[in-house]
């Protein structure tokens, strides 16, 4: 009885506030958040706008999705709530539900054809939001609704590589992401692109995860830069060691003629481990001199000329 009386009181108070001249948005959002379906329907019949954005930059549908109120989400959609409505940050109800891991809400929104490709201001999609939190059940629902969306999974992989989320990398591969598939521009492999992102950030766990999933260690960008070249350029010592342990090629040339070995020598931020010289097959200085020109390392107090084949060039 107390629960019923409380619900009646809330309905009366909401109706009173609507009659007093408010547009009912705040009341509708609170009812949606609490999952009070009957009150939601009553407020809409009294004139509350089901697609209005409240003071917290959320629509009633977004509020219900964020709270995991599946029945309220269904009721609002029945009342013609727009599943693809975006707020000021371009967020949608589907992105919020995916971020929170509310599987039933995601299923409901997908049945009403919510757009999985809509992006928030920070480029987050529903797929990326779920991947960042490792919500595997939500990811499965998104994939079942739209097939094995390699583009969406590739976007999530790059975000995970940038954020340092090795678990997400492994999950995406388990879900069917093909690391040797071409990127959206068709110029490079997805796995190689992710490796370079991880190298730039010096994310060793992500690098290990990608290599364990058989990403091509020597995959190059359109400009010819490999993950090892990027790691050498930015002084990512941890990643350099892992890539060298997987026999990454230190002599592969980018379009500008530079090799990872050159970048390591000239960046001034990295010392290759001594173990490198036992990992890599030795090349004679005579052979290397014929194929690779000498260059100079300039510091404030000295200039040192050397051939890239020499270990002392990196010290």
C-alpha atoms as a PDB file:
ATOM      1  CA  UNK A   1       0.000   0.000   0.000  1.00  0.00           C
ATOM      2  CA  UNK A   2       2.816   2.384   0.841  1.00  0.00           C
ATOM      3  CA  UNK A   3       4.427   1.769  -2.546  1.00  0.00           C
ATOM      4  CA  UNK A   4       1.127   2.403  -4.318  1.00  0.00           C
ATOM      5  CA  UNK A   5       0.465   5.537  -2.309  1.00  0.00           C
ATOM      6  CA  UNK A   6       3.968   6.808  -3.041  1.00  0.00           C
ATOM      7  CA  UNK A   7       3.508   6.227  -6.756  1.00  0.00           C
ATOM      8  CA  UNK A   8       0.167   8.037  -6.732  1.00  0.00           C
ATOM      9  CA  UNK A   9       1.719  10.963  -4.897  1.00  0.00           C
ATOM     10  CA  UNK A  10       4.490  11.198  -7.465  1.00  0.00           C
ATOM     11  CA  UNK A  11       1.972  11.149 -10.296  1.00  0.00           C
ATOM     12  CA  UNK A  12      -0.115  13.844  -8.664  1.00  0.00           C
ATOM     13  CA  UNK A  13       2.928  16.011  -8.029  1.00  0.00           C
ATOM     14  CA  UNK A  14       4.173  15.593 -11.600  1.00  0.00           C
ATOM     15  CA  UNK A  15       0.768  16.470 -12.988  1.00  0.00           C
ATOM     16  CA  UNK A  16       0.546  19.465 -10.705  1.00  0.00           C
ATOM     17  CA  UNK A  17       3.884  20.786 -11.913  1.00  0.00           C
ATOM     18  CA  UNK A  18       2.900  20.276 -15.557  1.00  0.00           C
ATOM     19  CA  UNK A  19      -0.361  22.131 -14.925  1.00  0.00           C
ATOM     20  CA  UNK A  20       1.606  24.908 -13.239  1.00  0.00           C
ATOM     21  CA  UNK A  21       3.300  25.798 -16.528  1.00  0.00           C
ATOM     22  CA  UNK A  22       6.475  23.681 -16.740  1.00  0.00           C
ATOM     23  CA  UNK A  23       7.043  21.751 -19.956  1.00  0.00           C
ATOM     24  CA  UNK A  24       7.282  18.457 -18.085  1.00  0.00           C
ATOM     25  CA  UNK A  25      10.760  17.571 -19.350  1.00  0.00           C
ATOM     26  CA  UNK A  26      12.332  17.337 -15.901  1.00  0.00           C
ATOM     27  CA  UNK A  27       9.457  15.239 -14.573  1.00  0.00           C
ATOM     28  CA  UNK A  28       9.526  12.939 -17.587  1.00  0.00           C
ATOM     29  CA  UNK A  29      13.266  12.400 -17.269  1.00  0.00           C
ATOM     30  CA  UNK A  30      12.945  11.561 -13.582  1.00  0.00           C
ATOM     31  CA  UNK A  31      10.086   9.153 -14.277  1.00  0.00           C
ATOM     32  CA  UNK A  32      12.131   7.493 -17.029  1.00  0.00           C
ATOM     33  CA  UNK A  33      15.131   7.220 -14.731  1.00  0.00           C
ATOM     34  CA  UNK A  34      12.985   5.511 -12.099  1.00  0.00           C
ATOM     35  CA  UNK A  35      11.387   3.214 -14.660  1.00  0.00           C
ATOM     36  CA  UNK A  36       7.876   4.446 -13.907  1.00  0.00           C
ATOM     37  CA  UNK A  37       6.219   3.597 -17.203  1.00  0.00           C
ATOM     38  CA  UNK A  38       2.694   4.680 -16.351  1.00  0.00           C
ATOM     39  CA  UNK A  39       3.877   8.063 -15.143  1.00  0.00           C
ATOM     40  CA  UNK A  40       5.909   8.499 -18.343  1.00  0.00           C
ATOM     41  CA  UNK A  41       2.815   7.831 -20.460  1.00  0.00           C
ATOM     42  CA  UNK A  42       0.694  10.176 -18.334  1.00  0.00           C
ATOM     43  CA  UNK A  43       3.194  13.033 -18.620  1.00  0.00           C
ATOM     44  CA  UNK A  44       3.419  12.599 -22.383  1.00  0.00           C
ATOM     45  CA  UNK A  45      -0.372  12.684 -22.655  1.00  0.00           C
ATOM     46  CA  UNK A  46      -0.324  15.920 -20.661  1.00  0.00           C
ATOM     47  CA  UNK A  47       2.031  17.493 -23.174  1.00  0.00           C
ATOM     48  CA  UNK A  48       5.597  16.613 -22.113  1.00  0.00           C
ATOM     49  CA  UNK A  49       7.907  16.476 -25.125  1.00  0.00           C
ATOM     50  CA  UNK A  50       9.321  12.956 -25.372  1.00  0.00           C
ATOM     51  CA  UNK A  51      12.350  14.196 -27.357  1.00  0.00           C
ATOM     52  CA  UNK A  52      13.145  17.308 -25.325  1.00  0.00           C
ATOM     53  CA  UNK A  53      16.642  17.654 -23.860  1.00  0.00           C
ATOM     54  CA  UNK A  54      16.668  18.336 -20.137  1.00  0.00           C
ATOM     55  CA  UNK A  55      18.967  20.419 -17.979  1.00  0.00           C
ATOM     56  CA  UNK A  56      21.468  17.552 -17.716  1.00  0.00           C
ATOM     57  CA  UNK A  57      21.759  17.418 -21.539  1.00  0.00           C
ATOM     58  CA  UNK A  58      19.812  14.152 -21.701  1.00  0.00           C
ATOM     59  CA  UNK A  59      16.504  13.244 -23.300  1.00  0.00           C
ATOM     60  CA  UNK A  60      14.067  11.037 -21.373  1.00  0.00           C
ATOM     61  CA  UNK A  61      15.142   8.110 -23.577  1.00  0.00           C
ATOM     62  CA  UNK A  62      18.816   8.744 -22.810  1.00  0.00           C
ATOM     63  CA  UNK A  63      18.031   8.946 -19.101  1.00  0.00           C
ATOM     64  CA  UNK A  64      16.188   5.624 -19.178  1.00  0.00           C
ATOM     65  CA  UNK A  65      18.944   3.992 -21.261  1.00  0.00           C
ATOM     66  CA  UNK A  66      21.649   5.248 -18.906  1.00  0.00           C
ATOM     67  CA  UNK A  67      19.772   3.824 -15.933  1.00  0.00           C
ATOM     68  CA  UNK A  68      19.147   0.491 -17.650  1.00  0.00           C
ATOM     69  CA  UNK A  69      15.357   0.848 -17.513  1.00  0.00           C
ATOM     70  CA  UNK A  70      14.352  -1.415 -20.383  1.00  0.00           C
ATOM     71  CA  UNK A  71      10.588  -1.144 -19.899  1.00  0.00           C
ATOM     72  CA  UNK A  72      10.807   2.641 -19.784  1.00  0.00           C
ATOM     73  CA  UNK A  73      12.919   2.629 -22.948  1.00  0.00           C
ATOM     74  CA  UNK A  74      10.297   0.491 -24.712  1.00  0.00           C
ATOM     75  CA  UNK A  75       7.485   2.767 -23.519  1.00  0.00           C
ATOM     76  CA  UNK A  76       9.255   5.915 -24.674  1.00  0.00           C
ATOM     77  CA  UNK A  77       9.990   4.376 -28.054  1.00  0.00           C
ATOM     78  CA  UNK A  78       6.307   3.446 -28.326  1.00  0.00           C
ATOM     79  CA  UNK A  79       5.577   7.125 -27.699  1.00  0.00           C
ATOM     80  CA  UNK A  80       7.799   7.999 -30.684  1.00  0.00           C
ATOM     81  CA  UNK A  81      10.993   8.863 -28.882  1.00  0.00           C
ATOM     82  CA  UNK A  82      13.788   9.262 -31.441  1.00  0.00           C
ATOM     83  CA  UNK A  83      16.393   6.508 -30.874  1.00  0.00           C
ATOM     84  CA  UNK A  84      19.000   8.527 -32.803  1.00  0.00           C
ATOM     85  CA  UNK A  85      18.441  11.841 -31.053  1.00  0.00           C
ATOM     86  CA  UNK A  86      21.801  13.430 -30.171  1.00  0.00           C
ATOM     87  CA  UNK A  87      22.490  15.906 -27.389  1.00  0.00           C
ATOM     88  CA  UNK A  88      25.021  18.738 -27.442  1.00  0.00           C
ATOM     89  CA  UNK A  89      27.931  16.300 -27.205  1.00  0.00           C
ATOM     90  CA  UNK A  90      26.371  14.196 -30.031  1.00  0.00           C
ATOM     91  CA  UNK A  91      25.786  11.304 -27.662  1.00  0.00           C
ATOM     92  CA  UNK A  92      22.870   8.923 -28.260  1.00  0.00           C
ATOM     93  CA  UNK A  93      20.852   6.571 -26.078  1.00  0.00           C
ATOM     94  CA  UNK A  94      22.595   3.596 -27.729  1.00  0.00           C
ATOM     95  CA  UNK A  95      26.064   4.934 -26.941  1.00  0.00           C
ATOM     96  CA  UNK A  96      25.079   5.474 -23.300  1.00  0.00           C
ATOM     97  CA  UNK A  97      23.545   2.018 -22.960  1.00  0.00           C
ATOM     98  CA  UNK A  98      26.577   0.404 -24.611  1.00  0.00           C
ATOM     99  CA  UNK A  99      28.927   2.303 -22.315  1.00  0.00           C
ATOM    100  CA  UNK A 100      27.037   1.094 -19.245  1.00  0.00           C
ATOM    101  CA  UNK A 101      26.784  -2.483 -20.503  1.00  0.00           C
ATOM    102  CA  UNK A 102      22.966  -2.607 -20.454  1.00  0.00           C
ATOM    103  CA  UNK A 103      22.443  -5.506 -22.856  1.00  0.00           C
ATOM    104  CA  UNK A 104      18.628  -5.543 -22.790  1.00  0.00           C
ATOM    105  CA  UNK A 105      18.448  -1.816 -23.487  1.00  0.00           C
ATOM    106  CA  UNK A 106      20.892  -2.187 -26.384  1.00  0.00           C
ATOM    107  CA  UNK A 107      18.761  -5.021 -27.795  1.00  0.00           C
ATOM    108  CA  UNK A 108      15.639  -2.873 -27.537  1.00  0.00           C
ATOM    109  CA  UNK A 109      17.257   0.085 -29.287  1.00  0.00           C
ATOM    110  CA  UNK A 110      18.681  -2.093 -32.034  1.00  0.00           C
ATOM    111  CA  UNK A 111      15.241  -3.577 -32.686  1.00  0.00           C
ATOM    112  CA  UNK A 112      14.034  -0.018 -33.248  1.00  0.00           C
ATOM    113  CA  UNK A 113      16.874   0.488 -35.752  1.00  0.00           C
ATOM    114  CA  UNK A 114      19.094   2.753 -33.692  1.00  0.00           C
ATOM    115  CA  UNK A 115      22.119   3.784 -35.766  1.00  0.00           C
ATOM    116  CA  UNK A 116      25.264   2.040 -34.494  1.00  0.00           C
ATOM    117  CA  UNK A 117      27.537   4.290 -36.564  1.00  0.00           C
ATOM    118  CA  UNK A 118      26.585   7.639 -35.010  1.00  0.00           C
ATOM    119  CA  UNK A 119      29.541   9.284 -33.287  1.00  0.00           C
ATOM    120  CA  UNK A 120      29.788  11.492 -30.234  1.00  0.00           C
ATOM    121  CA  UNK A 121      31.977  14.595 -30.297  1.00  0.00           C
ATOM    122  CA  UNK A 122      35.035  12.540 -29.295  1.00  0.00           C
ATOM    123  CA  UNK A 123      34.366  10.061 -32.157  1.00  0.00           C
ATOM    124  CA  UNK A 124      33.020   7.436 -29.761  1.00  0.00           C
ATOM    125  CA  UNK A 125      30.464   5.063 -31.283  1.00  0.00           C
ATOM    126  CA  UNK A 126      28.350   2.491 -29.466  1.00  0.00           C
ATOM    127  CA  UNK A 127      30.886  -0.150 -30.487  1.00  0.00           C
ATOM    128  CA  UNK A 128      33.840   1.825 -29.160  1.00  0.00           C
ATOM    129  CA  UNK A 129      31.991   2.613 -25.927  1.00  0.00           C
ATOM    130  CA  UNK A 130      31.295  -1.081 -25.317  1.00  0.00           C
ATOM    131  CA  UNK A 131      34.805  -2.128 -26.312  1.00  0.00           C
ATOM    132  CA  UNK A 132      36.451   0.353 -23.959  1.00  0.00           C
ATOM    133  CA  UNK A 133      34.598  -1.208 -21.038  1.00  0.00           C
ATOM    134  CA  UNK A 134      35.042  -4.793 -22.334  1.00  0.00           C
ATOM    135  CA  UNK A 135      31.276  -5.348 -22.441  1.00  0.00           C
ATOM    136  CA  UNK A 136      31.498  -8.501 -24.545  1.00  0.00           C
ATOM    137  CA  UNK A 137      27.755  -9.241 -24.431  1.00  0.00           C
ATOM    138  CA  UNK A 138      26.958  -5.782 -25.795  1.00  0.00           C
ATOM    139  CA  UNK A 139      29.573  -6.193 -28.519  1.00  0.00           C
ATOM    140  CA  UNK A 140      27.984  -9.489 -29.509  1.00  0.00           C
ATOM    141  CA  UNK A 141      24.592  -7.794 -29.818  1.00  0.00           C
ATOM    142  CA  UNK A 142      26.017  -5.022 -31.971  1.00  0.00           C
ATOM    143  CA  UNK A 143      27.747  -7.551 -34.216  1.00  0.00           C
ATOM    144  CA  UNK A 144      24.660  -9.743 -34.496  1.00  0.00           C
ATOM    145  CA  UNK A 145      22.587  -6.743 -35.526  1.00  0.00           C
ATOM    146  CA  UNK A 146      24.982  -5.578 -38.234  1.00  0.00           C
ATOM    147  CA  UNK A 147      27.165  -8.577 -39.035  1.00  0.00           C
ATOM    148  CA  UNK A 148      30.898  -8.685 -38.415  1.00  0.00           C
ATOM    149  CA  UNK A 149      31.408  -4.971 -38.910  1.00  0.00           C
ATOM    150  CA  UNK A 150      35.156  -4.835 -39.572  1.00  0.00           C
ATOM    151  CA  UNK A 151      35.116  -1.048 -39.820  1.00  0.00           C
ATOM    152  CA  UNK A 152      33.539  -0.618 -36.400  1.00  0.00           C
ATOM    153  CA  UNK A 153      35.888  -3.169 -34.849  1.00  0.00           C
ATOM    154  CA  UNK A 154      38.901  -1.523 -36.498  1.00  0.00           C
ATOM    155  CA  UNK A 155      37.906   1.845 -35.023  1.00  0.00           C
ATOM    156  CA  UNK A 156      37.575   0.222 -31.607  1.00  0.00           C
ATOM    157  CA  UNK A 157      40.974  -1.463 -32.031  1.00  0.00           C
ATOM    158  CA  UNK A 158      42.715   1.828 -32.767  1.00  0.00           C
ATOM    159  CA  UNK A 159      41.076   3.467 -29.751  1.00  0.00           C
ATOM    160  CA  UNK A 160      42.123   0.529 -27.555  1.00  0.00           C
ATOM    161  CA  UNK A 161      45.686   0.744 -28.883  1.00  0.00           C
ATOM    162  CA  UNK A 162      45.791   4.435 -28.087  1.00  0.00           C
ATOM    163  CA  UNK A 163      44.321   3.958 -24.598  1.00  0.00           C
ATOM    164  CA  UNK A 164      46.538   0.994 -23.741  1.00  0.00           C
ATOM    165  CA  UNK A 165      43.698  -1.546 -23.389  1.00  0.00           C
ATOM    166  CA  UNK A 166      45.259  -4.920 -24.154  1.00  0.00           C
ATOM    167  CA  UNK A 167      42.161  -6.824 -22.983  1.00  0.00           C
ATOM    168  CA  UNK A 168      40.042  -4.992 -25.561  1.00  0.00           C
ATOM    169  CA  UNK A 169      42.512  -5.912 -28.310  1.00  0.00           C
ATOM    170  CA  UNK A 170      42.228  -9.603 -27.426  1.00  0.00           C
ATOM    171  CA  UNK A 171      38.434  -9.393 -27.182  1.00  0.00           C
ATOM    172  CA  UNK A 172      38.080  -7.786 -30.609  1.00  0.00           C
ATOM    173  CA  UNK A 173      40.214 -10.469 -32.225  1.00  0.00           C
ATOM    174  CA  UNK A 174      38.144 -13.161 -30.499  1.00  0.00           C
ATOM    175  CA  UNK A 175      35.031 -11.520 -31.938  1.00  0.00           C
ATOM    176  CA  UNK A 176      36.375 -11.872 -35.457  1.00  0.00           C
ATOM    177  CA  UNK A 177      38.496  -8.806 -36.195  1.00  0.00           C
ATOM    178  CA  UNK A 178      41.015  -9.623 -38.929  1.00  0.00           C
ATOM    179  CA  UNK A 179      44.301  -7.871 -38.213  1.00  0.00           C
ATOM    180  CA  UNK A 180      45.581  -8.392 -41.749  1.00  0.00           C
ATOM    181  CA  UNK A 181      42.513  -6.736 -43.281  1.00  0.00           C
ATOM    182  CA  UNK A 182      43.021  -3.418 -45.054  1.00  0.00           C
ATOM    183  CA  UNK A 183      42.333  -0.160 -43.220  1.00  0.00           C
ATOM    184  CA  UNK A 184      39.536   2.167 -44.369  1.00  0.00           C
ATOM    185  CA  UNK A 185      41.840   3.955 -46.837  1.00  0.00           C
ATOM    186  CA  UNK A 186      43.044   0.598 -48.187  1.00  0.00           C
ATOM    187  CA  UNK A 187      46.738   1.480 -47.860  1.00  0.00           C
ATOM    188  CA  UNK A 188      47.740  -0.542 -44.803  1.00  0.00           C
ATOM    189  CA  UNK A 189      46.736  -3.406 -42.528  1.00  0.00           C
ATOM    190  CA  UNK A 190      44.598  -2.774 -39.466  1.00  0.00           C
ATOM    191  CA  UNK A 191      46.994  -4.708 -37.249  1.00  0.00           C
ATOM    192  CA  UNK A 192      49.994  -2.743 -38.484  1.00  0.00           C
ATOM    193  CA  UNK A 193      48.197   0.540 -37.925  1.00  0.00           C
ATOM    194  CA  UNK A 194      47.318  -0.492 -34.361  1.00  0.00           C
ATOM    195  CA  UNK A 195      50.922  -1.545 -33.714  1.00  0.00           C
ATOM    196  CA  UNK A 196      52.164   1.899 -34.747  1.00  0.00           C
ATOM    197  CA  UNK A 197      49.633   3.603 -32.488  1.00  0.00           C
ATOM    198  CA  UNK A 198      50.742   1.437 -29.564  1.00  0.00           C
ATOM    199  CA  UNK A 199      54.396   2.143 -30.408  1.00  0.00           C
ATOM    200  CA  UNK A 200      53.779   5.867 -30.436  1.00  0.00           C
ATOM    201  CA  UNK A 201      52.256   5.629 -26.936  1.00  0.00           C
ATOM    202  CA  UNK A 202      54.850   3.109 -25.697  1.00  0.00           C
ATOM    203  CA  UNK A 203      52.050   0.716 -24.712  1.00  0.00           C
ATOM    204  CA  UNK A 204      53.957  -2.524 -24.181  1.00  0.00           C
ATOM    205  CA  UNK A 205      50.931  -4.686 -23.121  1.00  0.00           C
ATOM    206  CA  UNK A 206      48.991  -3.667 -26.242  1.00  0.00           C
ATOM    207  CA  UNK A 207      52.029  -4.380 -28.407  1.00  0.00           C
ATOM    208  CA  UNK A 208      52.358  -7.837 -26.868  1.00  0.00           C
ATOM    209  CA  UNK A 209      48.644  -8.512 -27.364  1.00  0.00           C
ATOM    210  CA  UNK A 210      48.775  -7.491 -31.026  1.00  0.00           C
ATOM    211  CA  UNK A 211      51.878  -9.572 -31.665  1.00  0.00           C
ATOM    212  CA  UNK A 212      50.316 -12.562 -29.882  1.00  0.00           C
ATOM    213  CA  UNK A 213      47.338 -12.171 -32.222  1.00  0.00           C
ATOM    214  CA  UNK A 214      49.772 -12.293 -35.161  1.00  0.00           C
ATOM    215  CA  UNK A 215      49.840  -8.703 -36.249  1.00  0.00           C
ATOM    216  CA  UNK A 216      52.558  -8.231 -38.873  1.00  0.00           C
ATOM    217  CA  UNK A 217      55.556  -6.841 -37.002  1.00  0.00           C
ATOM    218  CA  UNK A 218      56.944  -5.188 -40.158  1.00  0.00           C
ATOM    219  CA  UNK A 219      53.662  -3.829 -41.550  1.00  0.00           C
ATOM    220  CA  UNK A 220      54.316  -0.331 -42.895  1.00  0.00           C
ATOM    221  CA  UNK A 221      52.223   2.785 -43.331  1.00  0.00           C
ATOM    222  CA  UNK A 222      51.658   4.427 -46.707  1.00  0.00           C
ATOM    223  CA  UNK A 223      54.874   6.386 -46.043  1.00  0.00           C
ATOM    224  CA  UNK A 224      56.818   3.235 -45.276  1.00  0.00           C
ATOM    225  CA  UNK A 225      57.082   3.608 -41.492  1.00  0.00           C
ATOM    226  CA  UNK A 226      56.852   0.444 -39.394  1.00  0.00           C
ATOM    227  CA  UNK A 227      55.987   0.134 -35.700  1.00  0.00           C
ATOM    228  CA  UNK A 228      59.695  -0.152 -34.930  1.00  0.00           C
ATOM    229  CA  UNK A 229      60.414   3.083 -36.778  1.00  0.00           C
ATOM    230  CA  UNK A 230      57.691   4.876 -34.815  1.00  0.00           C
ATOM    231  CA  UNK A 231      58.929   3.441 -31.514  1.00  0.00           C
ATOM    232  CA  UNK A 232      62.494   4.542 -32.293  1.00  0.00           C
ATOM    233  CA  UNK A 233      61.341   7.997 -33.351  1.00  0.00           C
ATOM    234  CA  UNK A 234      59.443   8.575 -30.082  1.00  0.00           C
ATOM    235  CA  UNK A 235      61.814   6.815 -27.704  1.00  0.00           C
ATOM    236  CA  UNK A 236      59.404   3.996 -26.808  1.00  0.00           C
ATOM    237  CA  UNK A 237      62.086   1.746 -25.342  1.00  0.00           C
ATOM    238  CA  UNK A 238      59.737  -0.933 -23.964  1.00  0.00           C
ATOM    239  CA  UNK A 239      58.042  -1.389 -27.313  1.00  0.00           C
ATOM    240  CA  UNK A 240      61.367  -1.372 -29.168  1.00  0.00           C
ATOM    241  CA  UNK A 241      62.591  -4.294 -27.086  1.00  0.00           C
ATOM    242  CA  UNK A 242      59.458  -6.339 -27.764  1.00  0.00           C
ATOM    243  CA  UNK A 243      59.553  -5.620 -31.489  1.00  0.00           C
ATOM    244  CA  UNK A 244      63.232  -6.540 -31.716  1.00  0.00           C
ATOM    245  CA  UNK A 245      62.500  -9.779 -29.870  1.00  0.00           C
ATOM    246  CA  UNK A 246      60.049 -10.560 -32.689  1.00  0.00           C
ATOM    247  CA  UNK A 247      62.752  -9.894 -35.279  1.00  0.00           C
ATOM    248  CA  UNK A 248      61.433  -6.563 -36.491  1.00  0.00           C
ATOM    249  CA  UNK A 249      63.545  -5.298 -39.382  1.00  0.00           C
ATOM    250  CA  UNK A 250      65.780  -2.385 -38.327  1.00  0.00           C
ATOM    251  CA  UNK A 251      66.902  -1.732 -41.888  1.00  0.00           C
ATOM    252  CA  UNK A 252      63.586  -1.341 -43.706  1.00  0.00           C
ATOM    253  CA  UNK A 253      63.498   2.084 -45.363  1.00  0.00           C
ATOM    254  CA  UNK A 254      60.598   4.529 -45.329  1.00  0.00           C
ATOM    255  CA  UNK A 255      59.894   6.629 -48.392  1.00  0.00           C
ATOM    256  CA  UNK A 256      62.205   9.331 -47.039  1.00  0.00           C
ATOM    257  CA  UNK A 257      65.046   6.804 -46.902  1.00  0.00           C
ATOM    258  CA  UNK A 258      65.225   6.542 -43.121  1.00  0.00           C
ATOM    259  CA  UNK A 259      65.403   3.237 -41.298  1.00  0.00           C
ATOM    260  CA  UNK A 260      64.481   2.464 -37.671  1.00  0.00           C
ATOM    261  CA  UNK A 261      68.191   2.246 -36.921  1.00  0.00           C
ATOM    262  CA  UNK A 262      68.720   5.771 -38.254  1.00  0.00           C
ATOM    263  CA  UNK A 263      65.782   7.100 -36.261  1.00  0.00           C
ATOM    264  CA  UNK A 264      67.068   5.518 -33.059  1.00  0.00           C
ATOM    265  CA  UNK A 265      70.454   7.128 -33.613  1.00  0.00           C
ATOM    266  CA  UNK A 266      69.192  10.599 -34.459  1.00  0.00           C
ATOM    267  CA  UNK A 267      66.231  10.957 -32.094  1.00  0.00           C
ATOM    268  CA  UNK A 268      68.471  11.454 -29.057  1.00  0.00           C
ATOM    269  CA  UNK A 269      65.789   9.842 -26.854  1.00  0.00           C
ATOM    270  CA  UNK A 270      66.562   6.144 -27.167  1.00  0.00           C
ATOM    271  CA  UNK A 271      69.352   3.643 -26.591  1.00  0.00           C
ATOM    272  CA  UNK A 272      68.767   0.279 -28.205  1.00  0.00           C
ATOM    273  CA  UNK A 273      69.405  -2.551 -25.743  1.00  0.00           C
ATOM    274  CA  UNK A 274      72.744  -4.344 -26.026  1.00  0.00           C
ATOM    275  CA  UNK A 275      70.756  -7.547 -26.453  1.00  0.00           C
ATOM    276  CA  UNK A 276      69.803  -6.225 -29.878  1.00  0.00           C
ATOM    277  CA  UNK A 277      73.199  -7.135 -31.236  1.00  0.00           C
ATOM    278  CA  UNK A 278      72.647 -10.761 -30.294  1.00  0.00           C
ATOM    279  CA  UNK A 279      69.053 -10.750 -31.540  1.00  0.00           C
ATOM    280  CA  UNK A 280      69.699  -9.311 -34.992  1.00  0.00           C
ATOM    281  CA  UNK A 281      71.905 -11.144 -37.489  1.00  0.00           C
ATOM    282  CA  UNK A 282      75.175  -9.309 -37.872  1.00  0.00           C
ATOM    283  CA  UNK A 283      75.880  -7.489 -41.112  1.00  0.00           C
ATOM    284  CA  UNK A 284      79.307  -6.446 -42.168  1.00  0.00           C
ATOM    285  CA  UNK A 285      80.101  -2.780 -42.093  1.00  0.00           C
ATOM    286  CA  UNK A 286      81.476  -3.125 -45.588  1.00  0.00           C
ATOM    287  CA  UNK A 287      78.129  -4.320 -46.941  1.00  0.00           C
ATOM    288  CA  UNK A 288      76.138  -1.774 -44.942  1.00  0.00           C
ATOM    289  CA  UNK A 289      78.379   1.074 -46.073  1.00  0.00           C
ATOM    290  CA  UNK A 290      77.596   0.304 -49.691  1.00  0.00           C
ATOM    291  CA  UNK A 291      73.829   0.446 -49.135  1.00  0.00           C
ATOM    292  CA  UNK A 292      73.333   3.006 -46.368  1.00  0.00           C
ATOM    293  CA  UNK A 293      74.968   6.449 -46.289  1.00  0.00           C
ATOM    294  CA  UNK A 294      76.693   7.814 -43.235  1.00  0.00           C
ATOM    295  CA  UNK A 295      74.978  10.657 -41.390  1.00  0.00           C
ATOM    296  CA  UNK A 296      75.600  12.968 -38.450  1.00  0.00           C
ATOM    297  CA  UNK A 297      74.233  13.199 -34.910  1.00  0.00           C
ATOM    298  CA  UNK A 298      74.287  16.810 -33.798  1.00  0.00           C
ATOM    299  CA  UNK A 299      74.080  17.844 -30.153  1.00  0.00           C
ATOM    300  CA  UNK A 300      74.726  21.219 -28.580  1.00  0.00           C
ATOM    301  CA  UNK A 301      78.308  20.341 -27.705  1.00  0.00           C
ATOM    302  CA  UNK A 302      79.404  17.939 -30.402  1.00  0.00           C
ATOM    303  CA  UNK A 303      78.799  16.509 -33.830  1.00  0.00           C
ATOM    304  CA  UNK A 304      79.443  12.804 -34.391  1.00  0.00           C
ATOM    305  CA  UNK A 305      79.546  11.179 -37.796  1.00  0.00           C
ATOM    306  CA  UNK A 306      78.992   7.475 -38.081  1.00  0.00           C
ATOM    307  CA  UNK A 307      77.705   4.634 -40.227  1.00  0.00           C
ATOM    308  CA  UNK A 308      74.361   3.154 -39.113  1.00  0.00           C
ATOM    309  CA  UNK A 309      75.813  -0.340 -38.972  1.00  0.00           C
ATOM    310  CA  UNK A 310      78.000   0.512 -35.982  1.00  0.00           C
ATOM    311  CA  UNK A 311      76.760  -0.161 -32.407  1.00  0.00           C
ATOM    312  CA  UNK A 312      78.598   2.939 -31.215  1.00  0.00           C
ATOM    313  CA  UNK A 313      76.314   5.011 -33.416  1.00  0.00           C
ATOM    314  CA  UNK A 314      73.500   4.517 -30.876  1.00  0.00           C
ATOM    315  CA  UNK A 315      75.459   5.515 -27.780  1.00  0.00           C
END
